[in-house]
Every structure is written in C-alpha cells, then in structure tokens.
Amino acid sequence: MRLLLDTHALIWFLAGDPKLSSRARAEIEVVDGVVLVSAVSAMEVLTKHRLGKLPEAEELAQDFEAAVAQHGFDDLPISIRHAQLAGSLRLTHKDPFDRLLIAQSLIEGLTLVSSETVFDQTGVNRLW
C-alpha cells in the first residue's frame, strides 16, 4: 500500500500519540510499505508552529526534512497538476493544505492517512 500522511497523522506518528489509530500506525510501520509526506505538510507545520498554533511540533519544525528521512518516508513535491486540481475541487472544505493533500492523493493514487471524514466526499481512499 502506498500511503500519504495527513499532517496530523505525521505529527501523531512521530510523537507516538495514541490519537493515531492503531490501524493507521500498523500500516505506516509496514516494513516494505511506501509512506509519503507532502511538501504541503512541511509548509503547514512550519506556518502553524511559527504562529504558535502547533507548539508540540517544535522538533519537527526545526528540521522537517531530517525527521521525515529518519523514518524512511519519501517526500512528495507539489506539482502544478496537484495545485490545479486542489484549486478546482468543489468542496465546502476550504483548508488549502487539506485541498492539496486530497489532490495529491487522487492524482498519485495514494491512500490518505487521515482522521478527516470530510475527505470521504472527495473520492480519496482514506485509511484510519
């Protein structure tokens, strides 16, 4: 299974937080699985940490790239195609970070690891 981690799933996984479902944790930890982290998550973590909205992500914000690499996760850049789809999605959900994750999941055929049930209306394959 090829997984794309929603930002909260990444934070909870790295912190060992029980808010991450046991099913999601098990799939992320599969030895031969592919786990991707979007560049949009780096932007979200650093933006929200800078604004004081994510104090628990201090270590992640200090060196996002190293934290992702340390766990063997692959980075997923944002393409123009991703941005076009994110901008054109007809959703009531307005969070631009989430819209990009949805678009990346759809375009790349990835399973999105997220607790956000609102994503289900977009056609993404969501794991929680």
Protein backbone atom coordinates (compact mmCIF):
# COMPACT_ATOMS: atom_id res chain seq x y z
CA MET A 1 0.00 0.00 0.00
CA ARG A 2 1.23 3.50 -0.85
CA LEU A 3 0.32 5.96 1.88
CA LEU A 4 0.22 9.73 2.02
CA LEU A 5 0.22 11.06 5.57
CA ASP A 6 -2.06 13.92 6.51
CA THR A 7 -0.13 16.43 8.62
CA HIS A 8 -1.82 15.44 11.88
CA ALA A 9 -1.14 11.75 11.17
CA LEU A 10 2.55 12.53 10.69
CA ILE A 11 2.74 14.56 13.91
CA TRP A 12 0.91 11.91 15.92
CA PHE A 13 3.02 9.10 14.45
CA LEU A 14 6.30 10.84 15.28
CA ALA A 15 5.10 11.68 18.80
CA GLY A 16 3.75 8.19 19.49
CA ASP A 17 0.41 9.86 20.20
CA PRO A 18 -2.50 7.45 20.83
CA LYS A 19 -4.77 9.77 18.79
CA LEU A 20 -3.33 8.00 15.73
CA SER A 21 -5.47 4.92 15.12
CA SER A 22 -3.84 1.56 15.69
CA ARG A 23 -4.74 0.54 12.13
CA ALA A 24 -3.03 3.64 10.69
CA ARG A 25 0.06 3.11 12.87
CA ALA A 26 0.31 -0.53 11.80
CA GLU A 27 0.11 0.35 8.08
CA ILE A 28 2.69 3.13 8.44
CA GLU A 29 5.06 0.71 10.17
CA VAL A 30 4.83 -1.98 7.46
CA VAL A 31 8.46 -2.65 6.54
CA ASP A 32 8.01 -2.82 2.77
CA GLY A 33 5.32 -0.13 2.56
CA VAL A 34 5.73 3.22 0.86
CA VAL A 35 4.95 6.22 3.05
CA LEU A 36 4.96 9.69 1.55
CA VAL A 37 4.92 13.09 3.21
CA SER A 38 3.82 16.05 1.14
CA ALA A 39 5.73 19.29 0.86
CA VAL A 40 2.44 20.92 1.86
CA SER A 41 2.77 19.28 5.30
CA ALA A 42 6.15 20.94 5.77
CA MET A 43 4.58 24.30 4.95
CA GLU A 44 1.63 23.63 7.27
CA VAL A 45 3.81 22.56 10.22
CA LEU A 46 6.22 25.46 9.92
CA THR A 47 3.48 28.03 9.34
CA LYS A 48 1.34 26.87 12.25
CA HIS A 49 4.35 26.44 14.55
CA ARG A 50 5.56 29.96 13.74
CA LEU A 51 2.10 31.30 14.56
CA GLY A 52 2.06 29.44 17.89
CA LYS A 53 -0.73 27.08 16.81
CA LEU A 54 1.44 23.94 16.87
CA PRO A 55 3.84 24.18 19.83
CA GLU A 56 4.01 20.38 20.08
CA ALA A 57 5.74 20.23 16.69
CA GLU A 58 8.87 22.11 17.82
CA GLU A 59 11.31 19.34 16.91
CA LEU A 60 9.61 18.63 13.60
CA ALA A 61 9.61 22.32 12.71
CA GLN A 62 13.35 22.60 13.41
CA ASP A 63 14.31 20.08 10.73
CA PHE A 64 11.28 18.72 8.93
CA GLU A 65 13.26 17.10 6.14
CA ALA A 66 15.54 15.18 8.52
CA ALA A 67 12.60 13.93 10.61
CA VAL A 68 10.87 12.60 7.52
CA ALA A 69 14.04 10.95 6.19
CA GLN A 70 14.88 9.45 9.59
CA HIS A 71 11.71 7.38 9.45
CA GLY A 72 12.29 6.30 5.86
CA PHE A 73 9.39 8.32 4.50
CA ASP A 74 9.59 9.73 0.98
CA ASP A 75 8.84 13.34 0.15
CA LEU A 76 6.12 14.26 -2.32
CA PRO A 77 6.65 17.58 -4.09
CA ILE A 78 3.71 19.74 -5.13
CA SER A 79 3.23 19.89 -8.88
CA ILE A 80 1.24 22.33 -10.98
CA ARG A 81 -1.16 19.48 -11.70
CA HIS A 82 -1.70 18.97 -7.95
CA ALA A 83 -2.28 22.70 -7.45
CA GLN A 84 -4.72 22.92 -10.37
CA LEU A 85 -6.85 20.09 -9.02
CA ALA A 86 -6.72 21.44 -5.45
CA GLY A 87 -7.89 24.82 -6.65
CA SER A 88 -10.70 23.40 -8.74
CA LEU A 89 -12.15 20.95 -6.21
CA ARG A 90 -15.75 21.79 -5.49
CA LEU A 91 -15.75 21.33 -1.73
CA THR A 92 -17.11 23.18 1.24
CA HIS A 93 -13.81 22.33 2.94
CA LYS A 94 -11.64 25.41 2.41
CA ASP A 95 -8.34 24.47 4.10
CA PRO A 96 -5.71 24.88 1.34
CA PHE A 97 -3.34 22.37 2.98
CA ASP A 98 -6.04 19.69 3.01
CA ARG A 99 -7.14 20.51 -0.54
CA LEU A 100 -3.58 19.89 -1.77
CA LEU A 101 -3.34 16.59 0.13
CA ILE A 102 -6.64 15.48 -1.41
CA ALA A 103 -5.44 16.42 -4.90
CA GLN A 104 -2.12 14.63 -4.44
CA SER A 105 -3.87 11.52 -3.16
CA LEU A 106 -6.24 11.46 -6.12
CA ILE A 107 -3.64 12.18 -8.81
CA GLU A 108 -0.97 9.85 -7.44
CA GLY A 109 -3.35 7.04 -6.49
CA LEU A 110 -2.34 7.15 -2.82
CA THR A 111 -4.21 6.11 0.29
CA LEU A 112 -4.57 9.17 2.50
CA VAL A 113 -3.96 8.50 6.20
CA SER A 114 -6.28 10.95 7.93
CA SER A 115 -8.97 11.18 10.59
CA GLU A 116 -10.80 13.77 8.46
CA THR A 117 -14.09 12.11 7.47
CA VAL A 118 -14.92 15.12 5.26
CA PHE A 119 -12.29 13.76 2.85
CA ASP A 120 -14.57 10.81 2.07
CA GLN A 121 -16.80 13.02 -0.11
CA THR A 122 -13.85 13.64 -2.46
CA GLY A 123 -13.33 10.06 -3.62
CA VAL A 124 -9.98 9.61 -1.91
CA ASN A 125 -9.08 6.25 -0.47
CA ARG A 126 -8.79 7.17 3.23
CA LEU A 127 -7.27 4.99 5.95
CA TRP A 128 -7.92 5.50 9.62
